Structures are given as structure tokens and as C-alpha cells.
PDB file of N, CA and C in Angstrom:
ATOM      1  N   MET A   1      40.636 -68.178 150.828  1.00  0.00           N
ATOM      2  CA  MET A   1      40.833 -69.401 151.582  1.00  0.00           C
ATOM      3  C   MET A   1      42.120 -69.314 152.410  1.00  0.00           C
ATOM      4  N   PHE A   2      43.218 -68.888 151.805  1.00  0.00           N
ATOM      5  CA  PHE A   2      44.472 -68.752 152.527  1.00  0.00           C
ATOM      6  C   PHE A   2      44.733 -67.291 152.847  1.00  0.00           C
ATOM      7  N   GLU A   3      45.389 -67.057 153.965  1.00  0.00           N
ATOM      8  CA  GLU A   3      45.785 -65.707 154.361  1.00  0.00           C
ATOM      9  C   GLU A   3      47.272 -65.710 154.673  1.00  0.00           C
ATOM     10  N   ASP A   4      47.944 -64.575 154.406  1.00  0.00           N
ATOM     11  CA  ASP A   4      49.370 -64.466 154.707  1.00  0.00           C
ATOM     12  C   ASP A   4      49.614 -64.766 156.177  1.00  0.00           C
ATOM     13  N   LYS A   5      50.712 -65.469 156.458  1.00  0.00           N
ATOM     14  CA  LYS A   5      51.110 -65.795 157.832  1.00  0.00           C
ATOM     15  C   LYS A   5      52.528 -65.296 158.054  1.00  0.00           C
ATOM     16  N   VAL A   6      52.804 -64.853 159.262  1.00  0.00           N
ATOM     17  CA  VAL A   6      54.157 -64.470 159.628  1.00  0.00           C
ATOM     18  C   VAL A   6      54.762 -65.640 160.402  1.00  0.00           C
ATOM     19  N   LEU A   7      55.889 -66.152 159.895  1.00  0.00           N
ATOM     20  CA  LEU A   7      56.584 -67.264 160.523  1.00  0.00           C
ATOM     21  C   LEU A   7      57.969 -66.809 160.940  1.00  0.00           C
ATOM     22  N   SER A   8      58.587 -67.548 161.835  1.00  0.00           N
ATOM     23  CA  SER A   8      59.931 -67.239 162.300  1.00  0.00           C
ATOM     24  C   SER A   8      60.901 -68.298 161.782  1.00  0.00           C
ATOM     25  N   CYS A   9      62.011 -67.861 161.178  1.00  0.00           N
ATOM     26  CA  CYS A   9      63.014 -68.759 160.615  1.00  0.00           C
ATOM     27  C   CYS A   9      63.719 -69.516 161.734  1.00  0.00           C
ATOM     28  N   LYS A  10      63.836 -70.832 161.584  1.00  0.00           N
ATOM     29  CA  LYS A  10      64.490 -71.636 162.616  1.00  0.00           C
ATOM     30  C   LYS A  10      66.011 -71.510 162.579  1.00  0.00           C
ATOM     31  N   ASP A  11      66.567 -70.961 161.480  1.00  0.00           N
ATOM     32  CA  ASP A  11      68.019 -70.778 161.395  1.00  0.00           C
ATOM     33  C   ASP A  11      68.453 -69.418 161.920  1.00  0.00           C
ATOM     34  N   CYS A  12      67.857 -68.342 161.384  1.00  0.00           N
ATOM     35  CA  CYS A  12      68.316 -66.992 161.744  1.00  0.00           C
ATOM     36  C   CYS A  12      67.366 -66.248 162.670  1.00  0.00           C
ATOM     37  N   GLY A  13      66.150 -66.766 162.862  1.00  0.00           N
ATOM     38  CA  GLY A  13      65.200 -66.138 163.774  1.00  0.00           C
ATOM     39  C   GLY A  13      64.428 -64.969 163.202  1.00  0.00           C
ATOM     40  N   VAL A  14      64.679 -64.608 161.956  1.00  0.00           N
ATOM     41  CA  VAL A  14      63.988 -63.486 161.320  1.00  0.00           C
ATOM     42  C   VAL A  14      62.551 -63.892 160.983  1.00  0.00           C
ATOM     43  N   ASP A  15      61.624 -62.951 161.183  1.00  0.00           N
ATOM     44  CA  ASP A  15      60.240 -63.192 160.781  1.00  0.00           C
ATOM     45  C   ASP A  15      60.124 -63.024 159.272  1.00  0.00           C
ATOM     46  N   PHE A  16      59.342 -63.899 158.637  1.00  0.00           N
ATOM     47  CA  PHE A  16      59.098 -63.796 157.197  1.00  0.00           C
ATOM     48  C   PHE A  16      57.652 -64.148 156.911  1.00  0.00           C
ATOM     49  N   VAL A  17      57.162 -63.687 155.770  1.00  0.00           N
ATOM     50  CA  VAL A  17      55.761 -63.890 155.405  1.00  0.00           C
ATOM     51  C   VAL A  17      55.636 -65.154 154.558  1.00  0.00           C
ATOM     52  N   PHE A  18      54.747 -66.026 154.984  1.00  0.00           N
ATOM     53  CA  PHE A  18      54.358 -67.210 154.214  1.00  0.00           C
ATOM     54  C   PHE A  18      53.058 -66.809 153.530  1.00  0.00           C
ATOM     55  N   SER A  19      53.190 -66.356 152.272  1.00  0.00           N
ATOM     56  CA  SER A  19      52.060 -65.733 151.582  1.00  0.00           C
ATOM     57  C   SER A  19      50.944 -66.730 151.271  1.00  0.00           C
ATOM     58  N   ALA A  20      49.771 -66.180 150.998  1.00  0.00           N
ATOM     59  CA  ALA A  20      48.614 -66.992 150.648  1.00  0.00           C
ATOM     60  C   ALA A  20      48.891 -67.797 149.380  1.00  0.00           C
ATOM     61  N   SER A  21      49.575 -67.171 148.402  1.00  0.00           N
ATOM     62  CA  SER A  21      49.871 -67.894 147.164  1.00  0.00           C
ATOM     63  C   SER A  21      50.870 -69.028 147.407  1.00  0.00           C
ATOM     64  N   GLU A  22      51.838 -68.812 148.303  1.00  0.00           N
ATOM     65  CA  GLU A  22      52.772 -69.889 148.652  1.00  0.00           C
ATOM     66  C   GLU A  22      52.034 -71.022 149.362  1.00  0.00           C
ATOM     67  N   GLN A  23      51.113 -70.677 150.236  1.00  0.00           N
ATOM     68  CA  GLN A  23      50.337 -71.694 150.947  1.00  0.00           C
ATOM     69  C   GLN A  23      49.503 -72.508 149.967  1.00  0.00           C
ATOM     70  N   GLU A  24      48.937 -71.828 148.972  1.00  0.00           N
ATOM     71  CA  GLU A  24      48.149 -72.521 147.964  1.00  0.00           C
ATOM     72  C   GLU A  24      49.039 -73.478 147.158  1.00  0.00           C
ATOM     73  N   PHE A  25      50.242 -73.015 146.796  1.00  0.00           N
ATOM     74  CA  PHE A  25      51.199 -73.858 146.083  1.00  0.00           C
ATOM     75  C   PHE A  25      51.546 -75.093 146.918  1.00  0.00           C
ATOM     76  N   TYR A  26      51.840 -74.893 148.212  1.00  0.00           N
ATOM     77  CA  TYR A  26      52.163 -76.008 149.104  1.00  0.00           C
ATOM     78  C   TYR A  26      51.008 -77.008 149.142  1.00  0.00           C
ATOM     79  N   ALA A  27      49.786 -76.498 149.229  1.00  0.00           N
ATOM     80  CA  ALA A  27      48.602 -77.363 149.297  1.00  0.00           C
ATOM     81  C   ALA A  27      48.440 -78.158 147.999  1.00  0.00           C
ATOM     82  N   GLU A  28      48.659 -77.509 146.844  1.00  0.00           N
ATOM     83  CA  GLU A  28      48.545 -78.192 145.553  1.00  0.00           C
ATOM     84  C   GLU A  28      49.558 -79.328 145.432  1.00  0.00           C
ATOM     85  N   LYS A  29      50.748 -79.121 145.975  1.00  0.00           N
ATOM     86  CA  LYS A  29      51.802 -80.128 145.915  1.00  0.00           C
ATOM     87  C   LYS A  29      51.646 -81.206 146.985  1.00  0.00           C
ATOM     88  N   GLY A  30      50.716 -81.010 147.909  1.00  0.00           N
ATOM     89  CA  GLY A  30      50.492 -82.005 148.956  1.00  0.00           C
ATOM     90  C   GLY A  30      51.420 -81.851 150.143  1.00  0.00           C
ATOM     91  N   PHE A  31      52.132 -80.714 150.222  1.00  0.00           N
ATOM     92  CA  PHE A  31      53.018 -80.476 151.367  1.00  0.00           C
ATOM     93  C   PHE A  31      52.165 -80.161 152.586  1.00  0.00           C
ATOM     94  N   THR A  32      52.465 -80.787 153.703  1.00  0.00           N
ATOM     95  CA  THR A  32      51.674 -80.576 154.911  1.00  0.00           C
ATOM     96  C   THR A  32      52.372 -79.673 155.920  1.00  0.00           C
ATOM     97  N   ASN A  33      53.689 -79.506 155.797  1.00  0.00           N
ATOM     98  CA  ASN A  33      54.428 -78.670 156.746  1.00  0.00           C
ATOM     99  C   ASN A  33      54.671 -77.281 156.183  1.00  0.00           C
ATOM    100  N   GLU A  34      54.624 -76.293 157.058  1.00  0.00           N
ATOM    101  CA  GLU A  34      54.961 -74.936 156.663  1.00  0.00           C
ATOM    102  C   GLU A  34      56.478 -74.826 156.570  1.00  0.00           C
ATOM    103  N   PRO A  35      56.992 -73.875 155.776  1.00  0.00           N
ATOM    104  CA  PRO A  35      58.447 -73.728 155.699  1.00  0.00           C
ATOM    105  C   PRO A  35      59.022 -73.312 157.044  1.00  0.00           C
ATOM    106  N   GLY A  36      60.163 -73.865 157.399  1.00  0.00           N
ATOM    107  CA  GLY A  36      60.804 -73.537 158.664  1.00  0.00           C
ATOM    108  C   GLY A  36      61.900 -72.502 158.517  1.00  0.00           C
ATOM    109  N   ARG A  37      62.288 -72.216 157.262  1.00  0.00           N
ATOM    110  CA  ARG A  37      63.369 -71.261 157.012  1.00  0.00           C
ATOM    111  C   ARG A  37      62.869 -70.121 156.130  1.00  0.00           C
ATOM    112  N   CYS A  38      63.463 -68.943 156.337  1.00  0.00           N
ATOM    113  CA  CYS A  38      63.137 -67.792 155.511  1.00  0.00           C
ATOM    114  C   CYS A  38      63.702 -68.016 154.105  1.00  0.00           C
ATOM    115  N   PRO A  39      63.225 -67.261 153.116  1.00  0.00           N
ATOM    116  CA  PRO A  39      63.715 -67.460 151.751  1.00  0.00           C
ATOM    117  C   PRO A  39      65.236 -67.360 151.612  1.00  0.00           C
ATOM    118  N   SER A  40      65.879 -66.433 152.317  1.00  0.00           N
ATOM    119  CA  SER A  40      67.330 -66.309 152.172  1.00  0.00           C
ATOM    120  C   SER A  40      68.058 -67.498 152.804  1.00  0.00           C
ATOM    121  N   CYS A  41      67.595 -68.018 153.921  1.00  0.00           N
ATOM    122  CA  CYS A  41      68.218 -69.205 154.526  1.00  0.00           C
ATOM    123  C   CYS A  41      67.958 -70.444 153.673  1.00  0.00           C
ATOM    124  N   ARG A  42      66.772 -70.533 153.052  1.00  0.00           N
ATOM    125  CA  ARG A  42      66.487 -71.649 152.146  1.00  0.00           C
ATOM    126  C   ARG A  42      67.421 -71.611 150.942  1.00  0.00           C
ATOM    127  N   ALA A  43      67.615 -70.416 150.374  1.00  0.00           N
ATOM    128  CA  ALA A  43      68.506 -70.271 149.219  1.00  0.00           C
ATOM    129  C   ALA A  43      69.943 -70.612 149.605  1.00  0.00           C
ATOM    130  N   ALA A  44      70.386 -70.156 150.782  1.00  0.00           N
ATOM    131  CA  ALA A  44      71.754 -70.440 151.229  1.00  0.00           C
ATOM    132  C   ALA A  44      71.943 -71.931 151.437  1.00  0.00           C
ATOM    133  N   ARG A  45      70.950 -72.593 152.010  1.00  0.00           N
ATOM    134  CA  ARG A  45      71.036 -74.035 152.243  1.00  0.00           C
ATOM    135  C   ARG A  45      71.072 -74.803 150.920  1.00  0.00           C
ATOM    136  N   LYS A  46      70.252 -74.370 149.962  1.00  0.00           N
ATOM    137  CA  LYS A  46      70.227 -75.012 148.651  1.00  0.00           C
ATOM    138  C   LYS A  46      71.573 -74.827 147.945  1.00  0.00           C
ATOM    139  N   GLN A  47      72.126 -73.620 148.016  1.00  0.00           N
ATOM    140  CA  GLN A  47      73.416 -73.343 147.394  1.00  0.00           C
ATOM    141  C   GLN A  47      74.525 -74.177 148.035  1.00  0.00           C
ATOM    142  N   GLN A  48      74.465 -74.327 149.342  1.00  0.00           N
ATOM    143  CA  GLN A  48      75.466 -75.126 150.063  1.00  0.00           C
ATOM    144  C   GLN A  48      75.418 -76.584 149.599  1.00  0.00           C
ATOM    145  N   SER A  49      74.221 -77.129 149.447  1.00  0.00           N
ATOM    146  CA  SER A  49      74.113 -78.525 149.023  1.00  0.00           C
ATOM    147  C   SER A  49      74.531 -78.690 147.572  1.00  0.00           C
ATOM    148  N   ARG A  50      74.284 -77.691 146.725  1.00  0.00           N
ATOM    149  CA  ARG A  50      74.724 -77.754 145.327  1.00  0.00           C
ATOM    150  C   ARG A  50      76.232 -77.640 145.236  1.00  0.00           C
ATOM    151  N   GLY A  51      76.842 -76.905 146.150  1.00  0.00           N
ATOM    152  CA  GLY A  51      78.295 -76.771 146.170  1.00  0.00           C
ATOM    153  C   GLY A  51      78.979 -78.094 146.435  1.00  0.00           C
ATOM    154  N   ASN A  52      78.278 -79.009 147.072  1.00  0.00           N
ATOM    155  CA  ASN A  52      78.812 -80.349 147.355  1.00  0.00           C
ATOM    156  C   ASN A  52      78.350 -81.352 146.315  1.00  0.00           C
ATOM    157  N   GLY A  53      77.922 -80.858 145.155  1.00  0.00           N
ATOM    158  CA  GLY A  53      77.431 -81.769 144.125  1.00  0.00           C
ATOM    159  C   GLY A  53      76.028 -82.246 144.419  1.00  0.00           C
ATOM    160  N   GLY A  54      75.349 -81.616 145.383  1.00  0.00           N
ATOM    161  CA  GLY A  54      74.003 -82.014 145.723  1.00  0.00           C
ATOM    162  C   GLY A  54      73.932 -83.111 146.761  1.00  0.00           C
ATOM    163  N   TYR A  55      75.068 -83.688 147.104  1.00  0.00           N
ATOM    164  CA  TYR A  55      75.096 -84.778 148.064  1.00  0.00           C
ATOM    165  C   TYR A  55      76.121 -84.445 149.134  1.00  0.00           C
ATOM    166  N   SER A  56      75.647 -84.105 150.310  1.00  0.00           N
ATOM    167  CA  SER A  56      76.568 -83.644 151.336  1.00  0.00           C
ATOM    168  C   SER A  56      77.421 -84.765 151.916  1.00  0.00           C
ATOM    169  N   SER A  57      76.960 -86.019 151.882  1.00  0.00           N
ATOM    170  CA  SER A  57      77.738 -87.079 152.494  1.00  0.00           C
ATOM    171  C   SER A  57      78.351 -88.057 151.484  1.00  0.00           C
ATOM    172  N   ARG A  58      78.086 -87.861 150.195  1.00  0.00           N
ATOM    173  CA  ARG A  58      78.617 -88.777 149.191  1.00  0.00           C
ATOM    174  C   ARG A  58      80.047 -88.387 148.835  1.00  0.00           C
ATOM    175  N   PRO A  59      80.998 -89.318 148.925  1.00  0.00           N
ATOM    176  CA  PRO A  59      82.385 -88.993 148.565  1.00  0.00           C
ATOM    177  C   PRO A  59      82.537 -88.849 147.048  1.00  0.00           C
ATOM    178  N   GLN A  60      83.593 -88.162 146.647  1.00  0.00           N
ATOM    179  CA  GLN A  60      83.908 -88.016 145.225  1.00  0.00           C
ATOM    180  C   GLN A  60      84.157 -89.402 144.629  1.00  0.00           C
ATOM    181  N   ARG A  61      83.602 -89.669 143.463  1.00  0.00           N
ATOM    182  CA  ARG A  61      83.751 -90.972 142.827  1.00  0.00           C
ATOM    183  C   ARG A  61      85.161 -91.121 142.263  1.00  0.00           C
ATOM    184  N   GLU A  62      85.786 -92.244 142.551  1.00  0.00           N
ATOM    185  CA  GLU A  62      87.123 -92.508 142.036  1.00  0.00           C
ATOM    186  C   GLU A  62      87.022 -92.952 140.578  1.00  0.00           C
ATOM    187  N   MET A  63      87.869 -92.379 139.728  1.00  0.00           N
ATOM    188  CA  MET A  63      87.869 -92.715 138.312  1.00  0.00           C
ATOM    189  C   MET A  63      89.168 -93.452 137.975  1.00  0.00           C
ATOM    190  N   PHE A  64      89.098 -94.362 137.002  1.00  0.00           N
ATOM    191  CA  PHE A  64      90.235 -95.185 136.618  1.00  0.00           C
ATOM    192  C   PHE A  64      90.542 -94.980 135.134  1.00  0.00           C
ATOM    193  N   PRO A  65      91.824 -94.968 134.780  1.00  0.00           N
ATOM    194  CA  PRO A  65      92.188 -94.803 133.370  1.00  0.00           C
ATOM    195  C   PRO A  65      91.877 -96.076 132.573  1.00  0.00           C
ATOM    196  N   ALA A  66      91.504 -95.877 131.305  1.00  0.00           N
ATOM    197  CA  ALA A  66      91.213 -97.006 130.423  1.00  0.00           C
ATOM    198  C   ALA A  66      91.421 -96.549 128.980  1.00  0.00           C
ATOM    199  N   VAL A  67      91.470 -97.520 128.071  1.00  0.00           N
ATOM    200  CA  VAL A  67      91.560 -97.250 126.641  1.00  0.00           C
ATOM    201  C   VAL A  67      90.287 -97.794 126.006  1.00  0.00           C
ATOM    202  N   CYS A  68      89.622 -96.974 125.213  1.00  0.00           N
ATOM    203  CA  CYS A  68      88.364 -97.367 124.582  1.00  0.00           C
ATOM    204  C   CYS A  68      88.600 -98.532 123.616  1.00  0.00           C
ATOM    205  N   ALA A  69      87.775 -99.572 123.744  1.00  0.00           N
ATOM    206  CA  ALA A  69      87.899-100.753 122.895  1.00  0.00           C
ATOM    207  C   ALA A  69      87.436-100.489 121.472  1.00  0.00           C
ATOM    208  N   SER A  70      86.691 -99.398 121.259  1.00  0.00           N
ATOM    209  CA  SER A  70      86.181 -99.103 119.936  1.00  0.00           C
ATOM    210  C   SER A  70      87.079 -98.148 119.154  1.00  0.00           C
ATOM    211  N   CYS A  71      87.427 -97.008 119.775  1.00  0.00           N
ATOM    212  CA  CYS A  71      88.192 -95.984 119.044  1.00  0.00           C
ATOM    213  C   CYS A  71      89.641 -95.861 119.499  1.00  0.00           C
ATOM    214  N   GLY A  72      90.005 -96.499 120.622  1.00  0.00           N
ATOM    215  CA  GLY A  72      91.375 -96.466 121.104  1.00  0.00           C
ATOM    216  C   GLY A  72      91.750 -95.215 121.878  1.00  0.00           C
ATOM    217  N   LYS A  73      90.783 -94.355 122.146  1.00  0.00           N
ATOM    218  CA  LYS A  73      91.039 -93.104 122.860  1.00  0.00           C
ATOM    219  C   LYS A  73      91.231 -93.367 124.349  1.00  0.00           C
ATOM    220  N   ASP A  74      92.156 -92.624 124.990  1.00  0.00           N
ATOM    221  CA  ASP A  74      92.311 -92.695 126.443  1.00  0.00           C
ATOM    222  C   ASP A  74      91.087 -92.086 127.102  1.00  0.00           C
ATOM    223  N   THR A  75      90.585 -92.724 128.138  1.00  0.00           N
ATOM    224  CA  THR A  75      89.391 -92.250 128.830  1.00  0.00           C
ATOM    225  C   THR A  75      89.494 -92.617 130.302  1.00  0.00           C
ATOM    226  N   THR A  76      88.500 -92.225 131.082  1.00  0.00           N
ATOM    227  CA  THR A  76      88.406 -92.652 132.478  1.00  0.00           C
ATOM    228  C   THR A  76      87.026 -93.241 132.706  1.00  0.00           C
ATOM    229  N   VAL A  77      86.963 -94.216 133.587  1.00  0.00           N
ATOM    230  CA  VAL A  77      85.707 -94.891 133.901  1.00  0.00           C
ATOM    231  C   VAL A  77      85.563 -95.011 135.420  1.00  0.00           C
ATOM    232  N   PRO A  78      84.328 -95.117 135.935  1.00  0.00           N
ATOM    233  CA  PRO A  78      84.108 -95.158 137.385  1.00  0.00           C
ATOM    234  C   PRO A  78      84.263 -96.549 138.006  1.00  0.00           C
ATOM    235  N   PHE A  79      85.015 -97.421 137.352  1.00  0.00           N
ATOM    236  CA  PHE A  79      85.264 -98.763 137.883  1.00  0.00           C
ATOM    237  C   PHE A  79      86.654 -99.197 137.452  1.00  0.00           C
ATOM    238  N   GLN A  80      87.214-100.160 138.147  1.00  0.00           N
ATOM    239  CA  GLN A  80      88.541-100.682 137.814  1.00  0.00           C
ATOM    240  C   GLN A  80      88.372-101.708 136.692  1.00  0.00           C
ATOM    241  N   PRO A  81      88.845-101.401 135.480  1.00  0.00           N
ATOM    242  CA  PRO A  81      88.706-102.368 134.385  1.00  0.00           C
ATOM    243  C   PRO A  81      89.459-103.664 134.712  1.00  0.00           C
ATOM    244  N   SER A  82      88.804-104.793 134.474  1.00  0.00           N
ATOM    245  CA  SER A  82      89.422-106.085 134.788  1.00  0.00           C
ATOM    246  C   SER A  82      90.202-106.644 133.615  1.00  0.00           C
ATOM    247  N   GLY A  83      89.941-106.142 132.412  1.00  0.00           N
ATOM    248  CA  GLY A  83      90.658-106.617 131.237  1.00  0.00           C
ATOM    249  C   GLY A  83      89.942-107.717 130.484  1.00  0.00           C
ATOM    250  N   ASP A  84      88.917-108.336 131.092  1.00  0.00           N
ATOM    251  CA  ASP A  84      88.228-109.426 130.408  1.00  0.00           C
ATOM    252  C   ASP A  84      87.002-108.961 129.616  1.00  0.00           C
ATOM    253  N   LYS A  85      86.606-107.691 129.760  1.00  0.00           N
ATOM    254  CA  LYS A  85      85.468-107.144 129.022  1.00  0.00           C
ATOM    255  C   LYS A  85      85.892-105.825 128.392  1.00  0.00           C
ATOM    256  N   PRO A  86      85.294-105.475 127.240  1.00  0.00           N
ATOM    257  CA  PRO A  86      85.667-104.214 126.601  1.00  0.00           C
ATOM    258  C   PRO A  86      85.190-103.008 127.419  1.00  0.00           C
ATOM    259  N   VAL A  87      85.955-101.943 127.347  1.00  0.00           N
ATOM    260  CA  VAL A  87      85.622-100.688 128.010  1.00  0.00           C
ATOM    261  C   VAL A  87      85.508 -99.632 126.919  1.00  0.00           C
ATOM    262  N   TYR A  88      84.471 -98.792 126.999  1.00  0.00           N
ATOM    263  CA  TYR A  88      84.222 -97.789 125.971  1.00  0.00           C
ATOM    264  C   TYR A  88      84.276 -96.386 126.553  1.00  0.00           C
ATOM    265  N   CYS A  89      84.707 -95.425 125.731  1.00  0.00           N
ATOM    266  CA  CYS A  89      84.635 -94.015 126.126  1.00  0.00           C
ATOM    267  C   CYS A  89      83.168 -93.584 126.053  1.00  0.00           C
ATOM    268  N   ARG A  90      82.888 -92.417 126.556  1.00  0.00           N
ATOM    269  CA  ARG A  90      81.508 -91.914 126.579  1.00  0.00           C
ATOM    270  C   ARG A  90      80.919 -91.844 125.171  1.00  0.00           C
ATOM    271  N   ASP A  91      81.703 -91.348 124.207  1.00  0.00           N
ATOM    272  CA  ASP A  91      81.190 -91.185 122.839  1.00  0.00           C
ATOM    273  C   ASP A  91      80.830 -92.519 122.196  1.00  0.00           C
ATOM    274  N   CYS A  92      81.622 -93.537 122.434  1.00  0.00           N
ATOM    275  CA  CYS A  92      81.349 -94.863 121.840  1.00  0.00           C
ATOM    276  C   CYS A  92      80.306 -95.645 122.631  1.00  0.00           C
ATOM    277  N   PHE A  93      80.205 -95.405 123.936  1.00  0.00           N
ATOM    278  CA  PHE A  93      79.267 -96.165 124.768  1.00  0.00           C
ATOM    279  C   PHE A  93      77.824 -95.728 124.551  1.00  0.00           C
ATOM    280  N   GLN A  94      77.561 -94.431 124.446  1.00  0.00           N
ATOM    281  CA  GLN A  94      76.188 -93.935 124.342  1.00  0.00           C
ATOM    282  C   GLN A  94      75.428 -94.490 123.134  1.00  0.00           C
ATOM    283  N   PRO A  95      76.007 -94.509 121.928  1.00  0.00           N
ATOM    284  CA  PRO A  95      75.253 -95.099 120.812  1.00  0.00           C
ATOM    285  C   PRO A  95      74.952 -96.582 121.022  1.00  0.00           C
ATOM    286  N   ARG A  96      75.837 -97.291 121.693  1.00  0.00           N
ATOM    287  CA  ARG A  96      75.626 -98.724 121.938  1.00  0.00           C
ATOM    288  C   ARG A  96      74.416 -98.930 122.840  1.00  0.00           C
ATOM    289  N   THR A  97      74.251 -98.083 123.884  1.00  0.00           N
ATOM    290  CA  THR A  97      73.128 -98.272 124.807  1.00  0.00           C
ATOM    291  C   THR A  97      71.820 -97.866 124.153  1.00  0.00           C
ATOM    292  N   ARG A  98      71.818 -96.844 123.306  1.00  0.00           N
ATOM    293  CA  ARG A  98      70.583 -96.428 122.617  1.00  0.00           C
ATOM    294  C   ARG A  98      70.096 -97.499 121.658  1.00  0.00           C
ATOM    295  N   ASN A  99      71.011 -98.201 121.004  1.00  0.00           N
ATOM    296  CA  ASN A  99      70.628 -99.244 120.043  1.00  0.00           C
ATOM    297  C   ASN A  99      70.076-100.479 120.749  1.00  0.00           C
ATOM    298  N   ASN A 100      70.346-100.634 122.020  1.00  0.00           N
ATOM    299  CA  ASN A 100      69.881-101.815 122.750  1.00  0.00           C
ATOM    300  C   ASN A 100      68.462-101.643 123.305  1.00  0.00           C
ATOM    301  N   TRP A 101      67.869-100.450 123.120  1.00  0.00           N
ATOM    302  CA  TRP A 101      66.522-100.242 123.682  1.00  0.00           C
ATOM    303  C   TRP A 101      65.530-100.869 122.813  1.00  0.00           C
TER     304      TRP A 101
END
């Protein structure tokens, strides 16, 4: 049903083979577009996005110091504690959320 195709990479211009098995995989997943990049350019692009934490435009999250209300350990949290609600470290917070399910 599928036959190997030679495609040209839109990044580097190198010709690469879009194999019959890859085409079958794309069809099974419901992908309608053929790949536009060769395997090495796809890998480089994936590595680049992973180097940025997977999000190229998301800024680094600011963390704030806090003291755990349960164990008293110094910790950091991704929000500015207001002081009117308890703040928990990761170890104390996780069991609390599991028990609430």
C-alpha cells in the first residue's frame, strides 16, 4: 500500500527517505502531513526544545522561600506566601493531596 518516498528537508535541504513503514505509522496515528525535516534536523529541533525545558517561550518560574507548616523545614514554593494560609514542603504536601482524593 505504501512505498518509500524521497523528500527534501526544509531546514538543511538534504534529501531523505520517508519509508513505507513510517508512512503507515503516520496513517495509523491520523497524521495527514508528511515530515518536513530530515531525521537529524528533527532530532536537533527536539533537543533544542528540551534544552529550554520543553517550552521555548515560557520564562523560568520564580520561586519564593517558605517554612513548612507541618515539619518546619525551609523550602521554596512557586507563589508568594501571604502568611494567612499554611505552606507545605513537597514531602508534607503530597500525602495531603493523595488523602483528599
